[in-house]
Every structure is written in structure tokens, then in C-alpha cells.
Amino acid sequence: QVQLVESGGGLVQPGGSLRLSCAASGSIFSIADMGWYRQAPGKQRELVASITSGGSTVYADSVKGRFTISRDNAKNTVYLQMNSLKPEDTAVYYCYAATFRVHWGQGTQVTVSS
């Protein structure tokens, strides 16, 4: 089994910053990709950012220049630094890790509001 534990969500004002963390543990052979999807009520789930074991990154157009994804392979942990947050970023953020299948974190709420 692989478990993913997310942390770092919360309430922040527009223009503020948050950093999400996601740590993988359990029976891990290798993790190819890690990242986050997000989903707001009434909206489709969307990929926010992903990173491969080699460090290649992909970002949604809506977060480019504001969010930065990184990973510590030794700790099997991925981070999402979110700067210049906007109300449109409000959503539940779900971490994922891909090994032989996709594993999901429990989700963490990010709310951007004044």
C-alpha cells in the first residue's frame, strides 16, 4: 500500500502565499510523477501541476508564473509553492503519485478570500 499525506492548506487573502506538501509512504518501488489536481464545487477537476522523477514540470496555464512545483526524491515528497493567490484558486487540492497505478491524497482545502 502507498499512503499520501497532504498538508499546508488554509485560508489566505488575495495576493498571499501558501505551500502545500505531500509525502508518500508505504510499499513504493518508484514514483514516476507527482503533482496536484484541484476541484472547486460545480467545476471540473483540473491538473494544476506535475513533476517527474527527473524534474520535468507541467503547469496549468492559469497558474504559470505563480505556482512552483518541486520534489525531494529521497523523502518521496512533493511541494507546491503558491504565490500571488487569487480567489479563482479556491478549491480542494488533491495530491497524486504514480507508481504502477495512481495513488491519491486525502485533499486539502485552499480558500483565497478577503
C-alpha atoms as a PDB file:
ATOM      1  CA  GLN A   1       0.000   0.000   0.000  1.00  0.00           C
ATOM      2  CA  VAL A   2       1.012   3.591  -0.646  1.00  0.00           C
ATOM      3  CA  GLN A   3      -0.259   6.419   1.517  1.00  0.00           C
ATOM      4  CA  LEU A   4      -0.145  10.111   0.631  1.00  0.00           C
ATOM      5  CA  VAL A   5      -0.498  12.725   3.353  1.00  0.00           C
ATOM      6  CA  GLU A   6      -1.165  16.322   2.352  1.00  0.00           C
ATOM      7  CA  SER A   7      -0.677  19.431   4.440  1.00  0.00           C
ATOM      8  CA  GLY A   8      -0.417  23.193   4.088  1.00  0.00           C
ATOM      9  CA  GLY A   9      -3.887  24.254   3.015  1.00  0.00           C
ATOM     10  CA  GLY A  10      -5.835  27.026   4.664  1.00  0.00           C
ATOM     11  CA  LEU A  11      -7.367  30.466   4.317  1.00  0.00           C
ATOM     12  CA  VAL A  12      -5.328  33.248   2.756  1.00  0.00           C
ATOM     13  CA  GLN A  13      -6.032  36.732   1.403  1.00  0.00           C
ATOM     14  CA  PRO A  14      -5.715  37.524  -2.301  1.00  0.00           C
ATOM     15  CA  GLY A  15      -2.076  38.078  -3.167  1.00  0.00           C
ATOM     16  CA  GLY A  16      -0.908  35.846  -0.348  1.00  0.00           C
ATOM     17  CA  SER A  17       1.046  32.613  -0.427  1.00  0.00           C
ATOM     18  CA  LEU A  18       0.714  29.029   0.727  1.00  0.00           C
ATOM     19  CA  ARG A  19       2.921  25.974   0.394  1.00  0.00           C
ATOM     20  CA  LEU A  20       1.386  22.535   0.054  1.00  0.00           C
ATOM     21  CA  SER A  21       3.303  19.383   0.930  1.00  0.00           C
ATOM     22  CA  CYS A  22       2.542  15.785   0.032  1.00  0.00           C
ATOM     23  CA  ALA A  23       4.541  12.904   1.485  1.00  0.00           C
ATOM     24  CA  ALA A  24       4.328   9.351   0.165  1.00  0.00           C
ATOM     25  CA  SER A  25       4.993   6.300   2.317  1.00  0.00           C
ATOM     26  CA  GLY A  26       4.447   2.555   2.231  1.00  0.00           C
ATOM     27  CA  SER A  27       5.323  -0.001  -0.403  1.00  0.00           C
ATOM     28  CA  ILE A  28       6.985   2.188  -3.006  1.00  0.00           C
ATOM     29  CA  PHE A  29       9.112   0.808  -5.812  1.00  0.00           C
ATOM     30  CA  SER A  30       9.405   4.021  -7.769  1.00  0.00           C
ATOM     31  CA  ILE A  31       7.329   7.131  -8.364  1.00  0.00           C
ATOM     32  CA  ALA A  32       7.313   8.431 -11.894  1.00  0.00           C
ATOM     33  CA  ASP A  33       5.128  11.510 -11.497  1.00  0.00           C
ATOM     34  CA  MET A  34       3.764  13.502  -8.578  1.00  0.00           C
ATOM     35  CA  GLY A  35       1.556  16.543  -8.522  1.00  0.00           C
ATOM     36  CA  TRP A  36      -1.806  18.095  -7.744  1.00  0.00           C
ATOM     37  CA  TYR A  37      -5.250  18.235  -9.211  1.00  0.00           C
ATOM     38  CA  ARG A  38      -7.824  20.660  -7.860  1.00  0.00           C
ATOM     39  CA  GLN A  39     -11.595  20.754  -7.859  1.00  0.00           C
ATOM     40  CA  ALA A  40     -13.967  23.540  -6.928  1.00  0.00           C
ATOM     41  CA  PRO A  41     -17.699  22.958  -6.343  1.00  0.00           C
ATOM     42  CA  GLY A  42     -19.519  22.788  -9.641  1.00  0.00           C
ATOM     43  CA  LYS A  43     -16.314  22.732 -11.658  1.00  0.00           C
ATOM     44  CA  GLN A  44     -14.364  20.045 -13.468  1.00  0.00           C
ATOM     45  CA  ARG A  45     -11.268  18.574 -11.873  1.00  0.00           C
ATOM     46  CA  GLU A  46      -8.146  20.058 -13.431  1.00  0.00           C
ATOM     47  CA  LEU A  47      -4.444  19.318 -13.333  1.00  0.00           C
ATOM     48  CA  VAL A  48      -2.613  22.100 -11.521  1.00  0.00           C
ATOM     49  CA  ALA A  49       0.989  20.936 -11.765  1.00  0.00           C
ATOM     50  CA  SER A  50       3.056  17.785 -12.085  1.00  0.00           C
ATOM     51  CA  ILE A  51       6.706  16.841 -11.829  1.00  0.00           C
ATOM     52  CA  THR A  52       8.588  13.748 -12.950  1.00  0.00           C
ATOM     53  CA  SER A  53      11.336  11.966 -11.058  1.00  0.00           C
ATOM     54  CA  GLY A  54      13.796  13.721 -13.354  1.00  0.00           C
ATOM     55  CA  GLY A  55      12.429  17.159 -12.525  1.00  0.00           C
ATOM     56  CA  SER A  56      10.409  17.939 -15.649  1.00  0.00           C
ATOM     57  CA  THR A  57       7.379  20.072 -14.805  1.00  0.00           C
ATOM     58  CA  VAL A  58       3.981  20.834 -16.278  1.00  0.00           C
ATOM     59  CA  TYR A  59       1.664  23.646 -15.157  1.00  0.00           C
ATOM     60  CA  ALA A  60      -1.857  24.674 -15.935  1.00  0.00           C
ATOM     61  CA  ASP A  61      -1.903  27.915 -17.900  1.00  0.00           C
ATOM     62  CA  SER A  62      -3.869  29.580 -15.117  1.00  0.00           C
ATOM     63  CA  VAL A  63      -1.059  29.103 -12.571  1.00  0.00           C
ATOM     64  CA  LYS A  64       2.067  29.579 -14.678  1.00  0.00           C
ATOM     65  CA  GLY A  65       4.360  32.172 -13.166  1.00  0.00           C
ATOM     66  CA  ARG A  66       2.610  31.988  -9.788  1.00  0.00           C
ATOM     67  CA  PHE A  67       2.956  28.352  -8.673  1.00  0.00           C
ATOM     68  CA  THR A  68       6.137  26.292  -8.439  1.00  0.00           C
ATOM     69  CA  ILE A  69       6.237  22.534  -8.000  1.00  0.00           C
ATOM     70  CA  SER A  70       9.285  20.723  -6.640  1.00  0.00           C
ATOM     71  CA  ARG A  71      10.125  17.341  -5.148  1.00  0.00           C
ATOM     72  CA  ASP A  72      12.547  15.661  -2.799  1.00  0.00           C
ATOM     73  CA  ASN A  73      13.039  12.172  -4.191  1.00  0.00           C
ATOM     74  CA  ALA A  74      14.853  10.943  -1.083  1.00  0.00           C
ATOM     75  CA  LYS A  75      11.812  11.838   1.022  1.00  0.00           C
ATOM     76  CA  ASN A  76       9.215  10.926  -1.614  1.00  0.00           C
ATOM     77  CA  THR A  77       7.717  14.338  -1.010  1.00  0.00           C
ATOM     78  CA  VAL A  78       6.363  16.902  -3.436  1.00  0.00           C
ATOM     79  CA  TYR A  79       5.768  20.589  -2.734  1.00  0.00           C
ATOM     80  CA  LEU A  80       3.597  23.216  -4.358  1.00  0.00           C
ATOM     81  CA  GLN A  81       4.557  26.811  -3.632  1.00  0.00           C
ATOM     82  CA  MET A  82       1.575  29.023  -4.429  1.00  0.00           C
ATOM     83  CA  ASN A  83       2.202  32.763  -4.704  1.00  0.00           C
ATOM     84  CA  SER A  84       0.008  35.679  -5.773  1.00  0.00           C
ATOM     85  CA  LEU A  85      -3.061  33.658  -4.920  1.00  0.00           C
ATOM     86  CA  LYS A  86      -6.375  34.631  -6.474  1.00  0.00           C
ATOM     87  CA  PRO A  87      -9.958  33.846  -5.435  1.00  0.00           C
ATOM     88  CA  GLU A  88     -10.150  31.643  -8.533  1.00  0.00           C
ATOM     89  CA  ASP A  89      -7.565  29.353  -6.908  1.00  0.00           C
ATOM     90  CA  THR A  90     -10.065  28.372  -4.217  1.00  0.00           C
ATOM     91  CA  ALA A  91     -10.558  24.602  -4.406  1.00  0.00           C
ATOM     92  CA  VAL A  92      -9.769  21.287  -2.798  1.00  0.00           C
ATOM     93  CA  TYR A  93      -6.280  20.275  -3.877  1.00  0.00           C
ATOM     94  CA  TYR A  94      -5.595  16.555  -4.290  1.00  0.00           C
ATOM     95  CA  CYS A  95      -2.062  15.237  -4.391  1.00  0.00           C
ATOM     96  CA  TYR A  96      -1.279  12.235  -6.572  1.00  0.00           C
ATOM     97  CA  ALA A  97       1.662   9.920  -7.101  1.00  0.00           C
ATOM     98  CA  ALA A  98       2.051   7.491  -9.977  1.00  0.00           C
ATOM     99  CA  THR A  99       3.834   4.179  -9.478  1.00  0.00           C
ATOM    100  CA  PHE A 100       2.291   1.108 -11.125  1.00  0.00           C
ATOM    101  CA  ARG A 101      -1.012   2.855 -10.530  1.00  0.00           C
ATOM    102  CA  VAL A 102      -2.160   6.277  -9.337  1.00  0.00           C
ATOM    103  CA  HIS A 103      -2.413   6.985  -5.609  1.00  0.00           C
ATOM    104  CA  TRP A 104      -4.326   9.915  -4.148  1.00  0.00           C
ATOM    105  CA  GLY A 105      -4.003  12.067  -1.071  1.00  0.00           C
ATOM    106  CA  GLN A 106      -6.923  12.996   1.151  1.00  0.00           C
ATOM    107  CA  GLY A 107      -7.263  16.506  -0.233  1.00  0.00           C
ATOM    108  CA  THR A 108      -6.643  19.851   1.408  1.00  0.00           C
ATOM    109  CA  GLN A 109      -8.837  22.947   1.205  1.00  0.00           C
ATOM    110  CA  VAL A 110      -7.343  26.157  -0.144  1.00  0.00           C
ATOM    111  CA  THR A 111      -9.528  29.232   0.253  1.00  0.00           C
ATOM    112  CA  VAL A 112      -8.483  32.618  -1.117  1.00  0.00           C
ATOM    113  CA  SER A 113     -10.728  35.375   0.188  1.00  0.00           C
ATOM    114  CA  SER A 114     -10.610  38.795   1.794  1.00  0.00           C
END
